[in-house]
N, C-alpha and C. Protein backbone atom coordinates (compact mmCIF):
# COMPACT_ATOMS: atom_id res chain seq x y z
N MET A 1 0.82 -1.19 0.00
CA MET A 1 0.00 0.00 0.00
C MET A 1 0.87 1.26 0.00
N THR A 2 1.96 1.22 0.75
CA THR A 2 2.84 2.39 0.84
C THR A 2 3.39 2.75 -0.53
N GLU A 3 3.90 1.74 -1.22
CA GLU A 3 4.47 1.98 -2.55
C GLU A 3 3.39 2.47 -3.53
N TYR A 4 2.22 1.85 -3.47
CA TYR A 4 1.12 2.22 -4.35
C TYR A 4 0.74 3.69 -4.16
N LEU A 5 0.57 4.09 -2.89
CA LEU A 5 0.17 5.46 -2.60
C LEU A 5 1.25 6.47 -2.97
N THR A 6 2.49 6.14 -2.69
CA THR A 6 3.60 7.03 -3.03
C THR A 6 3.66 7.24 -4.53
N GLU A 7 3.54 6.16 -5.28
CA GLU A 7 3.57 6.24 -6.75
C GLU A 7 2.37 7.02 -7.28
N TYR A 8 1.19 6.77 -6.70
CA TYR A 8 0.00 7.49 -7.15
C TYR A 8 0.14 8.99 -6.91
N MET A 9 0.61 9.37 -5.74
CA MET A 9 0.75 10.81 -5.42
C MET A 9 1.74 11.48 -6.36
N LYS A 10 2.80 10.80 -6.69
CA LYS A 10 3.79 11.33 -7.63
C LYS A 10 3.15 11.51 -9.02
N ARG A 11 2.44 10.48 -9.46
CA ARG A 11 1.82 10.50 -10.78
C ARG A 11 0.73 11.58 -10.88
N VAL A 12 -0.10 11.73 -9.86
CA VAL A 12 -1.18 12.71 -9.92
C VAL A 12 -0.62 14.13 -9.89
N GLN A 13 0.46 14.33 -9.14
CA GLN A 13 1.08 15.66 -9.10
C GLN A 13 1.67 16.02 -10.47
N GLU A 14 2.29 15.05 -11.12
CA GLU A 14 2.84 15.28 -12.46
C GLU A 14 1.72 15.59 -13.45
N ARG A 15 0.63 14.83 -13.38
CA ARG A 15 -0.51 15.09 -14.28
C ARG A 15 -1.09 16.49 -14.03
N LEU A 16 -1.18 16.87 -12.77
CA LEU A 16 -1.73 18.18 -12.43
C LEU A 16 -0.82 19.29 -12.92
N ASP A 17 0.48 19.11 -12.78
CA ASP A 17 1.44 20.13 -13.23
C ASP A 17 1.38 20.31 -14.74
N ARG A 18 1.15 19.23 -15.49
CA ARG A 18 1.09 19.29 -16.96
C ARG A 18 -0.28 19.70 -17.49
N CYS A 19 -1.29 19.65 -16.65
CA CYS A 19 -2.67 19.87 -17.08
C CYS A 19 -2.88 21.31 -17.56
N THR A 20 -3.41 21.45 -18.77
CA THR A 20 -3.71 22.76 -19.32
C THR A 20 -5.14 22.85 -19.85
N ASP A 21 -5.90 21.79 -19.64
CA ASP A 21 -7.26 21.71 -20.19
C ASP A 21 -8.26 21.48 -19.05
N PRO A 22 -9.33 22.27 -19.00
CA PRO A 22 -10.34 22.10 -17.93
C PRO A 22 -10.98 20.71 -17.92
N GLU A 23 -11.17 20.12 -19.09
CA GLU A 23 -11.78 18.78 -19.13
C GLU A 23 -10.84 17.73 -18.55
N GLU A 24 -9.55 17.87 -18.86
CA GLU A 24 -8.57 16.96 -18.29
C GLU A 24 -8.51 17.13 -16.78
N LEU A 25 -8.59 18.37 -16.32
CA LEU A 25 -8.57 18.64 -14.88
C LEU A 25 -9.78 18.00 -14.20
N ALA A 26 -10.94 18.09 -14.83
CA ALA A 26 -12.14 17.47 -14.26
C ALA A 26 -11.97 15.95 -14.15
N GLU A 27 -11.33 15.35 -15.14
CA GLU A 27 -11.08 13.92 -15.11
C GLU A 27 -10.11 13.55 -13.98
N ILE A 28 -9.05 14.35 -13.84
CA ILE A 28 -8.07 14.12 -12.76
C ILE A 28 -8.75 14.27 -11.40
N MET A 29 -9.59 15.29 -11.27
CA MET A 29 -10.28 15.54 -9.99
C MET A 29 -11.22 14.40 -9.63
N ALA A 30 -11.95 13.89 -10.61
CA ALA A 30 -12.89 12.79 -10.35
C ALA A 30 -12.13 11.55 -9.88
N GLU A 31 -11.04 11.24 -10.56
CA GLU A 31 -10.23 10.09 -10.16
C GLU A 31 -9.66 10.30 -8.75
N HIS A 32 -9.20 11.51 -8.49
CA HIS A 32 -8.58 11.79 -7.20
C HIS A 32 -9.60 11.70 -6.06
N LYS A 33 -10.82 12.16 -6.31
CA LYS A 33 -11.87 12.05 -5.28
C LYS A 33 -12.15 10.59 -4.96
N ASP A 34 -12.15 9.73 -5.98
CA ASP A 34 -12.34 8.30 -5.75
C ASP A 34 -11.21 7.73 -4.91
N LYS A 35 -9.99 8.11 -5.24
CA LYS A 35 -8.82 7.62 -4.48
C LYS A 35 -8.89 8.09 -3.03
N ILE A 36 -9.30 9.34 -2.83
CA ILE A 36 -9.43 9.85 -1.46
C ILE A 36 -10.44 9.01 -0.69
N ALA A 37 -11.56 8.70 -1.31
CA ALA A 37 -12.59 7.88 -0.64
C ALA A 37 -12.03 6.50 -0.29
N PHE A 38 -11.29 5.88 -1.21
CA PHE A 38 -10.70 4.57 -0.93
C PHE A 38 -9.70 4.65 0.23
N MET A 39 -8.88 5.68 0.21
CA MET A 39 -7.85 5.80 1.24
C MET A 39 -8.45 6.17 2.60
N GLN A 40 -9.57 6.91 2.61
CA GLN A 40 -10.25 7.18 3.87
C GLN A 40 -10.77 5.87 4.47
N HIS A 41 -11.30 5.02 3.62
CA HIS A 41 -11.78 3.72 4.09
C HIS A 41 -10.61 2.89 4.62
N GLU A 42 -9.52 2.87 3.88
CA GLU A 42 -8.32 2.13 4.30
C GLU A 42 -7.81 2.66 5.64
N ARG A 43 -7.84 3.97 5.79
CA ARG A 43 -7.37 4.61 7.02
C ARG A 43 -8.24 4.20 8.21
N ILE A 44 -9.55 4.17 8.02
CA ILE A 44 -10.46 3.78 9.10
C ILE A 44 -10.23 2.32 9.49
N VAL A 45 -10.07 1.45 8.50
CA VAL A 45 -9.84 0.04 8.79
C VAL A 45 -8.54 -0.13 9.58
N HIS A 46 -7.49 0.56 9.15
CA HIS A 46 -6.22 0.43 9.86
C HIS A 46 -6.29 1.04 11.26
N PHE A 47 -7.07 2.08 11.42
CA PHE A 47 -7.25 2.65 12.76
C PHE A 47 -7.93 1.63 13.68
N LEU A 48 -8.98 0.99 13.18
CA LEU A 48 -9.69 0.00 13.99
C LEU A 48 -8.79 -1.19 14.34
N VAL A 49 -8.01 -1.65 13.38
CA VAL A 49 -7.09 -2.77 13.64
C VAL A 49 -6.04 -2.35 14.66
N THR A 50 -5.52 -1.14 14.52
CA THR A 50 -4.52 -0.63 15.47
C THR A 50 -5.09 -0.56 16.87
N MET A 51 -6.31 -0.06 17.00
CA MET A 51 -6.94 0.02 18.32
C MET A 51 -7.25 -1.37 18.89
N MET A 52 -7.63 -2.31 18.03
CA MET A 52 -7.89 -3.67 18.49
C MET A 52 -6.60 -4.28 19.05
N PHE A 53 -5.50 -4.09 18.32
CA PHE A 53 -4.22 -4.62 18.80
C PHE A 53 -3.79 -3.92 20.09
N ALA A 54 -4.08 -2.64 20.23
CA ALA A 54 -3.76 -1.93 21.47
C ALA A 54 -4.56 -2.51 22.63
N LEU A 55 -5.82 -2.83 22.40
CA LEU A 55 -6.65 -3.43 23.44
C LEU A 55 -6.12 -4.82 23.82
N ILE A 56 -5.81 -5.61 22.81
CA ILE A 56 -5.26 -6.95 23.06
C ILE A 56 -3.94 -6.84 23.82
N LEU A 57 -3.11 -5.87 23.42
CA LEU A 57 -1.84 -5.65 24.11
C LEU A 57 -2.07 -5.31 25.58
N ALA A 58 -3.02 -4.43 25.85
CA ALA A 58 -3.30 -4.05 27.24
C ALA A 58 -3.77 -5.25 28.04
N ILE A 59 -4.62 -6.06 27.46
CA ILE A 59 -5.13 -7.25 28.16
C ILE A 59 -3.98 -8.21 28.48
N PHE A 60 -3.13 -8.46 27.49
CA PHE A 60 -2.02 -9.39 27.73
C PHE A 60 -0.97 -8.80 28.67
N MET A 61 -0.80 -7.49 28.67
CA MET A 61 0.14 -6.87 29.62
C MET A 61 -0.38 -7.03 31.06
N ILE A 62 -1.67 -6.83 31.24
CA ILE A 62 -2.27 -7.04 32.56
C ILE A 62 -2.13 -8.51 32.96
N GLY A 63 -2.37 -9.39 31.99
CA GLY A 63 -2.21 -10.82 32.26
C GLY A 63 -0.78 -11.16 32.65
N THR A 64 0.19 -10.51 32.02
CA THR A 64 1.60 -10.75 32.35
C THR A 64 1.91 -10.29 33.77
N LEU A 65 1.29 -9.20 34.19
CA LEU A 65 1.51 -8.70 35.55
C LEU A 65 0.87 -9.61 36.60
N VAL A 66 -0.31 -10.15 36.25
CA VAL A 66 -1.05 -10.99 37.20
C VAL A 66 -0.46 -12.40 37.24
N ILE A 67 -0.18 -12.95 36.06
CA ILE A 67 0.34 -14.32 35.96
C ILE A 67 1.80 -14.22 35.53
N ASN A 68 2.68 -14.62 36.35
CA ASN A 68 4.10 -14.53 36.05
C ASN A 68 4.49 -15.70 35.14
N ASN A 69 4.35 -15.48 33.81
CA ASN A 69 4.60 -16.53 32.83
C ASN A 69 5.48 -15.97 31.72
N PHE A 70 6.55 -16.69 31.42
CA PHE A 70 7.50 -16.23 30.39
C PHE A 70 6.85 -16.19 29.00
N MET A 71 6.00 -17.15 28.70
CA MET A 71 5.36 -17.19 27.37
C MET A 71 4.44 -15.99 27.14
N LEU A 72 3.79 -15.53 28.19
CA LEU A 72 2.97 -14.32 28.07
C LEU A 72 3.85 -13.11 27.75
N LEU A 73 5.02 -13.07 28.36
CA LEU A 73 5.96 -11.98 28.09
C LEU A 73 6.42 -12.00 26.63
N VAL A 74 6.66 -13.19 26.10
CA VAL A 74 7.04 -13.33 24.69
C VAL A 74 5.88 -12.86 23.80
N LEU A 75 4.67 -13.27 24.16
CA LEU A 75 3.49 -12.86 23.38
C LEU A 75 3.31 -11.34 23.42
N VAL A 76 3.49 -10.72 24.57
CA VAL A 76 3.38 -9.27 24.69
C VAL A 76 4.43 -8.58 23.81
N THR A 77 5.64 -9.13 23.80
CA THR A 77 6.71 -8.56 22.97
C THR A 77 6.34 -8.62 21.49
N ILE A 78 5.80 -9.74 21.05
CA ILE A 78 5.38 -9.89 19.64
C ILE A 78 4.27 -8.89 19.31
N ILE A 79 3.31 -8.74 20.20
CA ILE A 79 2.20 -7.81 19.97
C ILE A 79 2.71 -6.37 19.94
N ILE A 80 3.68 -6.04 20.78
CA ILE A 80 4.26 -4.68 20.76
C ILE A 80 4.91 -4.40 19.42
N VAL A 81 5.63 -5.36 18.88
CA VAL A 81 6.28 -5.19 17.58
C VAL A 81 5.22 -5.00 16.49
N LEU A 82 4.19 -5.84 16.50
CA LEU A 82 3.10 -5.70 15.53
C LEU A 82 2.42 -4.34 15.65
N GLU A 83 2.17 -3.93 16.88
CA GLU A 83 1.52 -2.63 17.10
C GLU A 83 2.38 -1.49 16.57
N ALA A 84 3.68 -1.58 16.75
CA ALA A 84 4.58 -0.54 16.23
C ALA A 84 4.47 -0.43 14.72
N PHE A 85 4.41 -1.57 14.03
CA PHE A 85 4.28 -1.54 12.57
C PHE A 85 2.91 -1.01 12.14
N TYR A 86 1.86 -1.38 12.87
CA TYR A 86 0.54 -0.85 12.55
C TYR A 86 0.49 0.66 12.75
N ILE A 87 1.10 1.15 13.81
CA ILE A 87 1.11 2.60 14.06
C ILE A 87 1.90 3.31 12.97
N LYS A 88 3.03 2.74 12.57
CA LYS A 88 3.84 3.34 11.50
C LYS A 88 3.03 3.44 10.20
N HIS A 89 2.35 2.35 9.87
CA HIS A 89 1.57 2.35 8.63
C HIS A 89 0.38 3.31 8.74
N TYR A 90 -0.29 3.34 9.88
CA TYR A 90 -1.41 4.26 10.06
C TYR A 90 -0.93 5.71 9.95
N TYR A 91 0.22 6.01 10.52
CA TYR A 91 0.80 7.35 10.43
C TYR A 91 1.03 7.73 8.97
N PHE A 92 1.56 6.78 8.18
CA PHE A 92 1.75 7.03 6.75
C PHE A 92 0.41 7.30 6.06
N LEU A 93 -0.59 6.46 6.32
CA LEU A 93 -1.91 6.64 5.69
C LEU A 93 -2.51 8.00 6.05
N GLU A 94 -2.44 8.34 7.32
CA GLU A 94 -3.02 9.61 7.78
C GLU A 94 -2.36 10.80 7.08
N ASN A 95 -1.04 10.80 7.03
CA ASN A 95 -0.33 11.91 6.39
C ASN A 95 -0.58 11.95 4.89
N THR A 96 -0.66 10.79 4.26
CA THR A 96 -0.88 10.76 2.81
C THR A 96 -2.28 11.24 2.47
N VAL A 97 -3.27 10.87 3.26
CA VAL A 97 -4.64 11.35 2.99
C VAL A 97 -4.69 12.87 3.15
N GLN A 98 -3.99 13.41 4.12
CA GLN A 98 -3.95 14.86 4.28
C GLN A 98 -3.26 15.52 3.08
N LYS A 99 -2.22 14.89 2.54
CA LYS A 99 -1.57 15.40 1.32
C LYS A 99 -2.56 15.35 0.15
N MET A 100 -3.36 14.28 0.12
CA MET A 100 -4.35 14.17 -0.95
C MET A 100 -5.36 15.32 -0.87
N TYR A 101 -5.73 15.72 0.34
CA TYR A 101 -6.63 16.86 0.50
C TYR A 101 -5.98 18.13 -0.05
N ARG A 102 -4.71 18.32 0.25
CA ARG A 102 -4.02 19.52 -0.24
C ARG A 102 -3.91 19.52 -1.77
N VAL A 103 -3.65 18.35 -2.35
CA VAL A 103 -3.59 18.25 -3.82
C VAL A 103 -4.96 18.56 -4.40
N TYR A 104 -6.01 18.08 -3.76
CA TYR A 104 -7.36 18.38 -4.25
C TYR A 104 -7.64 19.87 -4.18
N ASP A 105 -7.20 20.52 -3.10
CA ASP A 105 -7.35 21.98 -3.00
C ASP A 105 -6.60 22.68 -4.14
N GLU A 106 -5.43 22.15 -4.47
CA GLU A 106 -4.66 22.69 -5.59
C GLU A 106 -5.43 22.53 -6.91
N MET A 107 -6.10 21.40 -7.05
CA MET A 107 -6.92 21.17 -8.25
C MET A 107 -8.06 22.17 -8.32
N LEU A 108 -8.70 22.41 -7.18
CA LEU A 108 -9.80 23.39 -7.16
C LEU A 108 -9.29 24.78 -7.54
N SER A 109 -8.13 25.15 -7.06
CA SER A 109 -7.55 26.46 -7.40
C SER A 109 -7.27 26.54 -8.89
N LYS A 110 -6.72 25.48 -9.43
CA LYS A 110 -6.43 25.46 -10.86
C LYS A 110 -7.72 25.54 -11.66
N GLY A 111 -8.77 24.90 -11.18
CA GLY A 111 -10.08 24.98 -11.84
C GLY A 111 -10.62 26.40 -11.83
N ARG A 112 -10.41 27.12 -10.72
CA ARG A 112 -10.86 28.52 -10.66
C ARG A 112 -10.06 29.38 -11.65
N VAL A 113 -8.78 29.09 -11.80
CA VAL A 113 -7.96 29.83 -12.77
C VAL A 113 -8.47 29.58 -14.18
N PHE A 114 -8.77 28.32 -14.50
CA PHE A 114 -9.32 28.00 -15.82
C PHE A 114 -10.65 28.72 -16.05
N ALA A 115 -11.52 28.75 -15.03
CA ALA A 115 -12.82 29.41 -15.16
C ALA A 115 -12.65 30.91 -15.38
N ALA A 116 -11.73 31.51 -14.64
CA ALA A 116 -11.49 32.96 -14.80
C ALA A 116 -10.95 33.24 -16.19
N LYS A 117 -10.09 32.39 -16.68
CA LYS A 117 -9.50 32.56 -18.01
C LYS A 117 -10.58 32.44 -19.10
N GLU A 118 -11.53 31.52 -18.92
CA GLU A 118 -12.61 31.37 -19.87
C GLU A 118 -13.50 32.60 -19.89
N ARG A 119 -13.76 33.19 -18.71
CA ARG A 119 -14.59 34.39 -18.63
C ARG A 119 -13.89 35.55 -19.33
N GLU A 120 -12.58 35.64 -19.18
CA GLU A 120 -11.83 36.70 -19.84
C GLU A 120 -11.87 36.55 -21.36
N ASP A 121 -11.84 35.31 -21.84
CA ASP A 121 -11.85 35.07 -23.27
C ASP A 121 -13.20 35.37 -23.90
N ASP A 122 -14.26 35.34 -23.10
CA ASP A 122 -15.60 35.61 -23.64
C ASP A 122 -15.84 37.07 -23.79
């Protein structure tokens, strides 16, 4: 997902920079809105999974404190590592979706420039 999103953001920015036609801009905007919706869904799912793992981690940490068992400690360590990776990925998703919002704002600005230019030409 990380590679896919990074590549998509690079590609959409290049398309936006080269865009000189209002119809092409509308096409880019429609595609980008769809991607934003997909990534918002992905972000919510990863948030829920991250919180579930945090809850499981808390339960097993309490269990480790109550029951002095080495295997529980190993399990808690594994869950901590998994949680760290989930948090890292969620952080990436959150920041990328916010970048997508800024790119969409840039698209709207470019659309306003195209509209003003059309009014001047009339």
